[in-house]
């Protein structure tokens, strides 16, 4: 049986290949581990499902267990999809011009951010199990898309229009602290898997590193020539990646505080 799965993984394509790959990830045999180490699965991506919406999709998020996908569009619709059945759940959720979505690690809470120049500059907190709106957080930050939830699901960080990063207590609905240091909008946020390090990227061209629990600024990276649109942290917390309007991706070593290398080749902003 194992030989058959290996054969399907190496010779097939599409859904069958991915199902075989999923099974092999659970195996402990040396031959399987050796084969997987030599395989770059990113080179064999294929589309398994397409969902059509009635307006431009501006944000997506997926639960940690991979069972639910949420999408927000420009019309204000928030759609929830069951990844197993491929069916849309019958929730009526909406938020004007949704530009950001975040889901707590346990998959129970969805946070959406939206608004336009006329109204509804707020963050909405939903039950992802029922689709019911639980409460709202008042913020004048409709043009800022950064939004991230801590690994313990208790706090929410978001960039604001006045150049700060607000950290909210999700249960008590209060701002715990405001991180000051950027000179322009903070358009990108990432948090380490242990919840100790927050990374932010701003239109001031800088990437900043913070102690998440205290709000202390620990370092600033300054090699980009234009605003930052996206940031990410490696699972071990030692590498930071930033995408910019200057069309490059910078890879940083957080321990040495040095730029490791720059990836070039995009012809537009790196979101």
C-alpha atoms as a PDB file:
ATOM      1  CA  UNK A   1       0.000   0.000   0.000  1.00  0.00           C
ATOM      2  CA  UNK A   2       2.817   2.375   0.840  1.00  0.00           C
ATOM      3  CA  UNK A   3       4.472   1.689  -2.513  1.00  0.00           C
ATOM      4  CA  UNK A   4       1.186   2.509  -4.238  1.00  0.00           C
ATOM      5  CA  UNK A   5       0.884   5.843  -2.405  1.00  0.00           C
ATOM      6  CA  UNK A   6       4.509   6.716  -3.250  1.00  0.00           C
ATOM      7  CA  UNK A   7       3.814   5.888  -6.871  1.00  0.00           C
ATOM      8  CA  UNK A   8       0.708   8.089  -6.952  1.00  0.00           C
ATOM      9  CA  UNK A   9       2.596  10.943  -5.340  1.00  0.00           C
ATOM     10  CA  UNK A  10       5.514  10.757  -7.775  1.00  0.00           C
ATOM     11  CA  UNK A  11       3.588  10.092 -11.010  1.00  0.00           C
ATOM     12  CA  UNK A  12       0.131  11.592 -10.685  1.00  0.00           C
ATOM     13  CA  UNK A  13      -1.083  15.192 -10.638  1.00  0.00           C
ATOM     14  CA  UNK A  14      -3.856  17.321  -9.161  1.00  0.00           C
ATOM     15  CA  UNK A  15      -5.978  16.141  -6.255  1.00  0.00           C
ATOM     16  CA  UNK A  16      -4.659  12.548  -6.277  1.00  0.00           C
ATOM     17  CA  UNK A  17      -1.071  13.764  -5.923  1.00  0.00           C
ATOM     18  CA  UNK A  18      -1.976  16.008  -2.981  1.00  0.00           C
ATOM     19  CA  UNK A  19      -3.967  13.289  -1.207  1.00  0.00           C
ATOM     20  CA  UNK A  20      -0.980  10.942  -1.522  1.00  0.00           C
ATOM     21  CA  UNK A  21       1.332  13.660  -0.221  1.00  0.00           C
ATOM     22  CA  UNK A  22      -0.931  14.234   2.796  1.00  0.00           C
ATOM     23  CA  UNK A  23      -0.812  10.525   3.652  1.00  0.00           C
ATOM     24  CA  UNK A  24       2.976  10.362   3.304  1.00  0.00           C
ATOM     25  CA  UNK A  25       3.452  13.259   5.719  1.00  0.00           C
ATOM     26  CA  UNK A  26       2.093  10.993   8.460  1.00  0.00           C
ATOM     27  CA  UNK A  27       4.583   8.177   7.825  1.00  0.00           C
ATOM     28  CA  UNK A  28       7.807   7.504   9.758  1.00  0.00           C
ATOM     29  CA  UNK A  29       9.630   5.187   7.313  1.00  0.00           C
ATOM     30  CA  UNK A  30      13.135   6.374   6.380  1.00  0.00           C
ATOM     31  CA  UNK A  31      12.480   5.941   2.650  1.00  0.00           C
ATOM     32  CA  UNK A  32       9.429   8.208   2.881  1.00  0.00           C
ATOM     33  CA  UNK A  33      11.239  10.857   4.919  1.00  0.00           C
ATOM     34  CA  UNK A  34      14.149  10.855   2.469  1.00  0.00           C
ATOM     35  CA  UNK A  35      11.830  11.254  -0.517  1.00  0.00           C
ATOM     36  CA  UNK A  36       9.911  14.112   1.136  1.00  0.00           C
ATOM     37  CA  UNK A  37      13.126  15.963   2.042  1.00  0.00           C
ATOM     38  CA  UNK A  38      14.081  16.091  -1.648  1.00  0.00           C
ATOM     39  CA  UNK A  39      10.649  17.286  -2.776  1.00  0.00           C
ATOM     40  CA  UNK A  40       9.669  20.924  -3.248  1.00  0.00           C
ATOM     41  CA  UNK A  41       5.867  20.767  -3.157  1.00  0.00           C
ATOM     42  CA  UNK A  42       5.555  24.476  -4.034  1.00  0.00           C
ATOM     43  CA  UNK A  43       6.588  23.651  -7.598  1.00  0.00           C
ATOM     44  CA  UNK A  44       3.515  21.470  -8.092  1.00  0.00           C
ATOM     45  CA  UNK A  45       0.630  23.660  -6.983  1.00  0.00           C
ATOM     46  CA  UNK A  46      -2.711  23.074  -8.678  1.00  0.00           C
ATOM     47  CA  UNK A  47      -6.177  24.574  -8.304  1.00  0.00           C
ATOM     48  CA  UNK A  48      -8.679  22.240  -6.625  1.00  0.00           C
ATOM     49  CA  UNK A  49     -11.637  24.578  -6.225  1.00  0.00           C
ATOM     50  CA  UNK A  50     -12.861  27.989  -7.421  1.00  0.00           C
ATOM     51  CA  UNK A  51     -15.555  30.058  -5.701  1.00  0.00           C
ATOM     52  CA  UNK A  52     -17.163  32.979  -7.502  1.00  0.00           C
ATOM     53  CA  UNK A  53     -18.175  36.157  -5.672  1.00  0.00           C
ATOM     54  CA  UNK A  54     -20.122  39.226  -6.728  1.00  0.00           C
ATOM     55  CA  UNK A  55     -17.400  41.779  -5.978  1.00  0.00           C
ATOM     56  CA  UNK A  56     -13.625  42.151  -5.814  1.00  0.00           C
ATOM     57  CA  UNK A  57     -12.151  39.949  -3.062  1.00  0.00           C
ATOM     58  CA  UNK A  58      -9.978  42.069  -0.748  1.00  0.00           C
ATOM     59  CA  UNK A  59      -9.113  39.630   2.040  1.00  0.00           C
ATOM     60  CA  UNK A  60      -9.108  35.936   2.936  1.00  0.00           C
ATOM     61  CA  UNK A  61      -8.313  33.950   6.067  1.00  0.00           C
ATOM     62  CA  UNK A  62      -8.331  30.262   6.930  1.00  0.00           C
ATOM     63  CA  UNK A  63      -8.756  28.461  10.241  1.00  0.00           C
ATOM     64  CA  UNK A  64      -5.708  26.732  11.714  1.00  0.00           C
ATOM     65  CA  UNK A  65      -7.259  23.288  11.223  1.00  0.00           C
ATOM     66  CA  UNK A  66      -7.806  24.012   7.530  1.00  0.00           C
ATOM     67  CA  UNK A  67     -11.535  23.278   7.673  1.00  0.00           C
ATOM     68  CA  UNK A  68     -12.969  26.773   7.115  1.00  0.00           C
ATOM     69  CA  UNK A  69     -12.098  29.591   4.735  1.00  0.00           C
ATOM     70  CA  UNK A  70     -13.441  33.142   5.085  1.00  0.00           C
ATOM     71  CA  UNK A  71     -13.396  35.797   2.349  1.00  0.00           C
ATOM     72  CA  UNK A  72     -14.328  39.475   2.408  1.00  0.00           C
ATOM     73  CA  UNK A  73     -15.111  41.589  -0.628  1.00  0.00           C
ATOM     74  CA  UNK A  74     -15.485  45.208  -1.637  1.00  0.00           C
ATOM     75  CA  UNK A  75     -19.276  45.015  -1.548  1.00  0.00           C
ATOM     76  CA  UNK A  76     -19.133  44.214   2.170  1.00  0.00           C
ATOM     77  CA  UNK A  77     -19.988  40.513   2.045  1.00  0.00           C
ATOM     78  CA  UNK A  78     -18.167  38.147   4.395  1.00  0.00           C
ATOM     79  CA  UNK A  79     -18.534  34.592   3.091  1.00  0.00           C
ATOM     80  CA  UNK A  80     -17.681  31.472   5.097  1.00  0.00           C
ATOM     81  CA  UNK A  81     -16.825  28.252   3.229  1.00  0.00           C
ATOM     82  CA  UNK A  82     -16.606  24.661   4.469  1.00  0.00           C
ATOM     83  CA  UNK A  83     -13.346  23.338   2.975  1.00  0.00           C
ATOM     84  CA  UNK A  84     -14.490  19.716   3.263  1.00  0.00           C
ATOM     85  CA  UNK A  85     -17.892  19.989   1.592  1.00  0.00           C
ATOM     86  CA  UNK A  86     -16.882  22.981  -0.600  1.00  0.00           C
ATOM     87  CA  UNK A  87     -20.177  24.629   0.363  1.00  0.00           C
ATOM     88  CA  UNK A  88     -20.811  28.157   1.586  1.00  0.00           C
ATOM     89  CA  UNK A  89     -22.208  28.355   5.111  1.00  0.00           C
ATOM     90  CA  UNK A  90     -25.566  30.177   5.421  1.00  0.00           C
ATOM     91  CA  UNK A  91     -24.261  33.083   7.504  1.00  0.00           C
ATOM     92  CA  UNK A  92     -25.346  36.652   6.840  1.00  0.00           C
ATOM     93  CA  UNK A  93     -22.186  38.569   7.743  1.00  0.00           C
ATOM     94  CA  UNK A  94     -21.255  41.945   6.315  1.00  0.00           C
ATOM     95  CA  UNK A  95     -18.890  44.802   6.966  1.00  0.00           C
ATOM     96  CA  UNK A  96     -18.556  47.813   4.695  1.00  0.00           C
ATOM     97  CA  UNK A  97     -15.666  47.423   2.218  1.00  0.00           C
ATOM     98  CA  UNK A  98     -13.899  44.604   4.094  1.00  0.00           C
ATOM     99  CA  UNK A  99     -10.120  45.046   3.832  1.00  0.00           C
ATOM    100  CA  UNK A 100      -8.820  42.699   6.562  1.00  0.00           C
ATOM    101  CA  UNK A 101      -9.815  39.422   8.217  1.00  0.00           C
ATOM    102  CA  UNK A 102      -8.251  37.492  11.105  1.00  0.00           C
ATOM    103  CA  UNK A 103      -9.295  34.287  12.884  1.00  0.00           C
ATOM    104  CA  UNK A 104      -8.368  33.209  16.416  1.00  0.00           C
ATOM    105  CA  UNK A 105      -6.246  30.027  16.625  1.00  0.00           C
ATOM    106  CA  UNK A 106      -9.150  28.004  18.052  1.00  0.00           C
ATOM    107  CA  UNK A 107     -11.285  28.970  15.044  1.00  0.00           C
ATOM    108  CA  UNK A 108     -14.162  30.373  17.124  1.00  0.00           C
ATOM    109  CA  UNK A 109     -13.750  34.119  16.551  1.00  0.00           C
ATOM    110  CA  UNK A 110     -13.496  36.107  13.304  1.00  0.00           C
ATOM    111  CA  UNK A 111     -12.361  39.734  13.293  1.00  0.00           C
ATOM    112  CA  UNK A 112     -13.074  41.960  10.301  1.00  0.00           C
ATOM    113  CA  UNK A 113     -11.948  45.472   9.481  1.00  0.00           C
ATOM    114  CA  UNK A 114     -13.502  47.832   6.987  1.00  0.00           C
ATOM    115  CA  UNK A 115     -15.148  51.157   6.304  1.00  0.00           C
ATOM    116  CA  UNK A 116     -14.863  53.982   3.801  1.00  0.00           C
ATOM    117  CA  UNK A 117     -14.394  57.739   3.884  1.00  0.00           C
ATOM    118  CA  UNK A 118     -18.013  58.355   4.913  1.00  0.00           C
ATOM    119  CA  UNK A 119     -18.849  55.844   7.640  1.00  0.00           C
ATOM    120  CA  UNK A 120     -18.230  52.669   9.654  1.00  0.00           C
ATOM    121  CA  UNK A 121     -14.585  53.031  10.699  1.00  0.00           C
ATOM    122  CA  UNK A 122     -14.808  50.021  12.995  1.00  0.00           C
ATOM    123  CA  UNK A 123     -13.517  46.547  13.736  1.00  0.00           C
ATOM    124  CA  UNK A 124     -16.192  43.871  14.049  1.00  0.00           C
ATOM    125  CA  UNK A 125     -15.850  40.722  16.158  1.00  0.00           C
ATOM    126  CA  UNK A 126     -17.952  37.716  15.057  1.00  0.00           C
ATOM    127  CA  UNK A 127     -18.692  34.197  16.230  1.00  0.00           C
ATOM    128  CA  UNK A 128     -17.392  31.986  13.430  1.00  0.00           C
ATOM    129  CA  UNK A 129     -19.619  29.149  14.658  1.00  0.00           C
ATOM    130  CA  UNK A 130     -22.916  31.051  14.360  1.00  0.00           C
ATOM    131  CA  UNK A 131     -22.116  34.096  12.221  1.00  0.00           C
ATOM    132  CA  UNK A 132     -23.449  36.413  14.940  1.00  0.00           C
ATOM    133  CA  UNK A 133     -21.864  39.817  15.577  1.00  0.00           C
ATOM    134  CA  UNK A 134     -20.530  39.835  19.146  1.00  0.00           C
ATOM    135  CA  UNK A 135     -19.269  43.404  19.439  1.00  0.00           C
ATOM    136  CA  UNK A 136     -17.452  46.220  17.671  1.00  0.00           C
ATOM    137  CA  UNK A 137     -14.228  48.128  18.347  1.00  0.00           C
ATOM    138  CA  UNK A 138     -14.322  51.794  17.388  1.00  0.00           C
ATOM    139  CA  UNK A 139     -11.372  52.900  15.252  1.00  0.00           C
ATOM    140  CA  UNK A 140     -10.805  55.589  12.656  1.00  0.00           C
ATOM    141  CA  UNK A 141      -8.592  53.420  10.464  1.00  0.00           C
ATOM    142  CA  UNK A 142     -10.459  52.469   7.305  1.00  0.00           C
ATOM    143  CA  UNK A 143      -7.460  52.954   4.996  1.00  0.00           C
ATOM    144  CA  UNK A 144      -5.166  50.674   7.023  1.00  0.00           C
ATOM    145  CA  UNK A 145      -5.289  46.959   6.271  1.00  0.00           C
ATOM    146  CA  UNK A 146      -2.959  45.481   8.941  1.00  0.00           C
ATOM    147  CA  UNK A 147      -4.686  43.208  11.458  1.00  0.00           C
ATOM    148  CA  UNK A 148      -3.357  40.224  13.422  1.00  0.00           C
ATOM    149  CA  UNK A 149      -4.431  38.101  16.405  1.00  0.00           C
ATOM    150  CA  UNK A 150      -1.966  36.791  18.998  1.00  0.00           C
ATOM    151  CA  UNK A 151      -1.343  33.011  19.153  1.00  0.00           C
ATOM    152  CA  UNK A 152      -3.274  32.754  22.437  1.00  0.00           C
ATOM    153  CA  UNK A 153      -6.289  34.454  20.818  1.00  0.00           C
ATOM    154  CA  UNK A 154      -6.582  37.061  23.568  1.00  0.00           C
ATOM    155  CA  UNK A 155      -5.201  40.188  21.901  1.00  0.00           C
ATOM    156  CA  UNK A 156      -5.502  41.911  18.549  1.00  0.00           C
ATOM    157  CA  UNK A 157      -2.924  44.212  16.961  1.00  0.00           C
ATOM    158  CA  UNK A 158      -3.832  46.674  14.222  1.00  0.00           C
ATOM    159  CA  UNK A 159      -2.197  49.608  12.506  1.00  0.00           C
ATOM    160  CA  UNK A 160      -4.021  52.937  12.688  1.00  0.00           C
ATOM    161  CA  UNK A 161      -4.331  56.027  10.545  1.00  0.00           C
ATOM    162  CA  UNK A 162      -2.334  58.089  13.080  1.00  0.00           C
ATOM    163  CA  UNK A 163       0.789  55.915  12.633  1.00  0.00           C
ATOM    164  CA  UNK A 164       0.439  53.894  15.851  1.00  0.00           C
ATOM    165  CA  UNK A 165      -0.213  50.185  16.377  1.00  0.00           C
ATOM    166  CA  UNK A 166      -3.047  49.535  18.809  1.00  0.00           C
ATOM    167  CA  UNK A 167      -3.099  46.328  20.846  1.00  0.00           C
ATOM    168  CA  UNK A 168      -6.628  45.407  21.950  1.00  0.00           C
ATOM    169  CA  UNK A 169      -7.853  43.103  24.696  1.00  0.00           C
ATOM    170  CA  UNK A 170     -10.443  41.183  22.672  1.00  0.00           C
ATOM    171  CA  UNK A 171     -12.490  40.025  25.667  1.00  0.00           C
ATOM    172  CA  UNK A 172     -12.667  43.325  27.538  1.00  0.00           C
ATOM    173  CA  UNK A 173     -12.679  45.520  24.392  1.00  0.00           C
ATOM    174  CA  UNK A 174     -10.044  47.964  25.598  1.00  0.00           C
ATOM    175  CA  UNK A 175      -6.730  49.134  24.136  1.00  0.00           C
ATOM    176  CA  UNK A 176      -3.923  47.701  26.264  1.00  0.00           C
ATOM    177  CA  UNK A 177      -1.142  49.745  24.682  1.00  0.00           C
ATOM    178  CA  UNK A 178      -0.274  51.801  21.618  1.00  0.00           C
ATOM    179  CA  UNK A 179       3.063  51.214  19.885  1.00  0.00           C
ATOM    180  CA  UNK A 180       4.622  54.409  18.574  1.00  0.00           C
ATOM    181  CA  UNK A 181       7.608  54.565  16.249  1.00  0.00           C
ATOM    182  CA  UNK A 182       6.484  54.576  12.628  1.00  0.00           C
ATOM    183  CA  UNK A 183       6.064  57.910  10.844  1.00  0.00           C
ATOM    184  CA  UNK A 184       3.346  56.760   8.413  1.00  0.00           C
ATOM    185  CA  UNK A 185       0.632  54.106   8.109  1.00  0.00           C
ATOM    186  CA  UNK A 186       1.493  50.598   9.324  1.00  0.00           C
ATOM    187  CA  UNK A 187       0.253  48.420   6.482  1.00  0.00           C
ATOM    188  CA  UNK A 188       1.734  45.055   7.521  1.00  0.00           C
ATOM    189  CA  UNK A 189       1.950  43.045  10.748  1.00  0.00           C
ATOM    190  CA  UNK A 190       3.250  39.602  11.714  1.00  0.00           C
ATOM    191  CA  UNK A 191       3.637  37.889  15.065  1.00  0.00           C
ATOM    192  CA  UNK A 192       5.931  35.016  16.051  1.00  0.00           C
ATOM    193  CA  UNK A 193       4.486  31.615  16.916  1.00  0.00           C
ATOM    194  CA  UNK A 194       5.437  32.061  20.583  1.00  0.00           C
ATOM    195  CA  UNK A 195       3.637  35.419  20.707  1.00  0.00           C
ATOM    196  CA  UNK A 196       6.706  37.292  21.942  1.00  0.00           C
ATOM    197  CA  UNK A 197       7.760  39.202  18.823  1.00  0.00           C
ATOM    198  CA  UNK A 198       5.702  41.561  16.671  1.00  0.00           C
ATOM    199  CA  UNK A 199       6.999  42.797  13.309  1.00  0.00           C
ATOM    200  CA  UNK A 200       5.513  45.803  11.541  1.00  0.00           C
ATOM    201  CA  UNK A 201       5.995  47.331   8.108  1.00  0.00           C
ATOM    202  CA  UNK A 202       5.080  50.906   7.246  1.00  0.00           C
ATOM    203  CA  UNK A 203       4.899  53.418   4.431  1.00  0.00           C
ATOM    204  CA  UNK A 204       7.881  55.106   6.105  1.00  0.00           C
ATOM    205  CA  UNK A 205      10.015  52.364   4.401  1.00  0.00           C
ATOM    206  CA  UNK A 206      10.958  50.771   7.730  1.00  0.00           C
ATOM    207  CA  UNK A 207      10.442  47.335   9.256  1.00  0.00           C
ATOM    208  CA  UNK A 208      10.274  47.445  13.060  1.00  0.00           C
ATOM    209  CA  UNK A 209      10.585  44.659  15.640  1.00  0.00           C
ATOM    210  CA  UNK A 210       8.748  44.901  18.974  1.00  0.00           C
ATOM    211  CA  UNK A 211       8.420  42.952  22.207  1.00  0.00           C
ATOM    212  CA  UNK A 212       4.734  42.181  21.897  1.00  0.00           C
ATOM    213  CA  UNK A 213       3.981  41.838  25.621  1.00  0.00           C
ATOM    214  CA  UNK A 214       5.597  45.153  26.595  1.00  0.00           C
ATOM    215  CA  UNK A 215       5.414  47.196  23.381  1.00  0.00           C
ATOM    216  CA  UNK A 216       9.161  47.884  23.531  1.00  0.00           C
ATOM    217  CA  UNK A 217      10.810  48.649  20.177  1.00  0.00           C
ATOM    218  CA  UNK A 218      13.902  46.440  19.827  1.00  0.00           C
ATOM    219  CA  UNK A 219      15.133  47.079  16.273  1.00  0.00           C
ATOM    220  CA  UNK A 220      14.454  48.894  12.989  1.00  0.00           C
ATOM    221  CA  UNK A 221      15.451  47.574   9.541  1.00  0.00           C
ATOM    222  CA  UNK A 222      15.927  50.317   6.928  1.00  0.00           C
ATOM    223  CA  UNK A 223      17.090  48.871   3.575  1.00  0.00           C
ATOM    224  CA  UNK A 224      13.891  49.308   1.531  1.00  0.00           C
ATOM    225  CA  UNK A 225      13.586  52.348  -0.753  1.00  0.00           C
ATOM    226  CA  UNK A 226       9.779  52.559  -0.569  1.00  0.00           C
ATOM    227  CA  UNK A 227       6.857  51.652   1.704  1.00  0.00           C
ATOM    228  CA  UNK A 228       6.377  48.171   3.185  1.00  0.00           C
ATOM    229  CA  UNK A 229       3.248  46.255   2.155  1.00  0.00           C
ATOM    230  CA  UNK A 230       3.822  42.813   3.726  1.00  0.00           C
ATOM    231  CA  UNK A 231       5.873  41.102   6.446  1.00  0.00           C
ATOM    232  CA  UNK A 232       6.257  37.527   7.717  1.00  0.00           C
ATOM    233  CA  UNK A 233       8.204  35.648  10.402  1.00  0.00           C
ATOM    234  CA  UNK A 234       9.636  32.130  10.031  1.00  0.00           C
ATOM    235  CA  UNK A 235       8.284  29.455  12.426  1.00  0.00           C
ATOM    236  CA  UNK A 236      11.538  29.466  14.433  1.00  0.00           C
ATOM    237  CA  UNK A 237      11.316  33.251  14.842  1.00  0.00           C
ATOM    238  CA  UNK A 238      14.805  33.873  13.449  1.00  0.00           C
ATOM    239  CA  UNK A 239      14.006  35.141   9.956  1.00  0.00           C
ATOM    240  CA  UNK A 240      11.893  38.117   8.882  1.00  0.00           C
ATOM    241  CA  UNK A 241      10.715  38.705   5.319  1.00  0.00           C
ATOM    242  CA  UNK A 242       9.396  42.027   4.035  1.00  0.00           C
ATOM    243  CA  UNK A 243       7.708  42.907   0.729  1.00  0.00           C
ATOM    244  CA  UNK A 244       7.760  46.489  -0.515  1.00  0.00           C
ATOM    245  CA  UNK A 245       6.480  49.017  -3.018  1.00  0.00           C
ATOM    246  CA  UNK A 246      10.072  49.081  -4.286  1.00  0.00           C
ATOM    247  CA  UNK A 247       9.247  45.700  -5.929  1.00  0.00           C
ATOM    248  CA  UNK A 248      11.713  43.701  -3.817  1.00  0.00           C
ATOM    249  CA  UNK A 249      11.581  41.175  -0.988  1.00  0.00           C
ATOM    250  CA  UNK A 250      14.161  41.517   1.787  1.00  0.00           C
ATOM    251  CA  UNK A 251      15.140  38.587   4.011  1.00  0.00           C
ATOM    252  CA  UNK A 252      16.538  39.543   7.425  1.00  0.00           C
ATOM    253  CA  UNK A 253      18.313  37.630  10.190  1.00  0.00           C
ATOM    254  CA  UNK A 254      16.639  38.693  13.431  1.00  0.00           C
ATOM    255  CA  UNK A 255      19.463  37.412  15.647  1.00  0.00           C
ATOM    256  CA  UNK A 256      22.308  39.246  13.863  1.00  0.00           C
ATOM    257  CA  UNK A 257      20.086  42.169  12.748  1.00  0.00           C
ATOM    258  CA  UNK A 258      21.577  41.846   9.238  1.00  0.00           C
ATOM    259  CA  UNK A 259      20.052  41.736   5.742  1.00  0.00           C
ATOM    260  CA  UNK A 260      20.673  38.202   4.431  1.00  0.00           C
ATOM    261  CA  UNK A 261      19.689  38.881   0.817  1.00  0.00           C
ATOM    262  CA  UNK A 262      17.217  40.665  -1.470  1.00  0.00           C
ATOM    263  CA  UNK A 263      14.878  38.922  -3.908  1.00  0.00           C
ATOM    264  CA  UNK A 264      14.310  40.867  -7.137  1.00  0.00           C
ATOM    265  CA  UNK A 265      12.058  40.110 -10.088  1.00  0.00           C
ATOM    266  CA  UNK A 266       8.584  41.439  -9.318  1.00  0.00           C
ATOM    267  CA  UNK A 267       7.347  44.180 -11.636  1.00  0.00           C
ATOM    268  CA  UNK A 268       4.945  45.662  -9.105  1.00  0.00           C
ATOM    269  CA  UNK A 269       4.381  46.140  -5.374  1.00  0.00           C
ATOM    270  CA  UNK A 270       4.843  43.016  -3.211  1.00  0.00           C
ATOM    271  CA  UNK A 271       1.660  42.618  -1.167  1.00  0.00           C
END
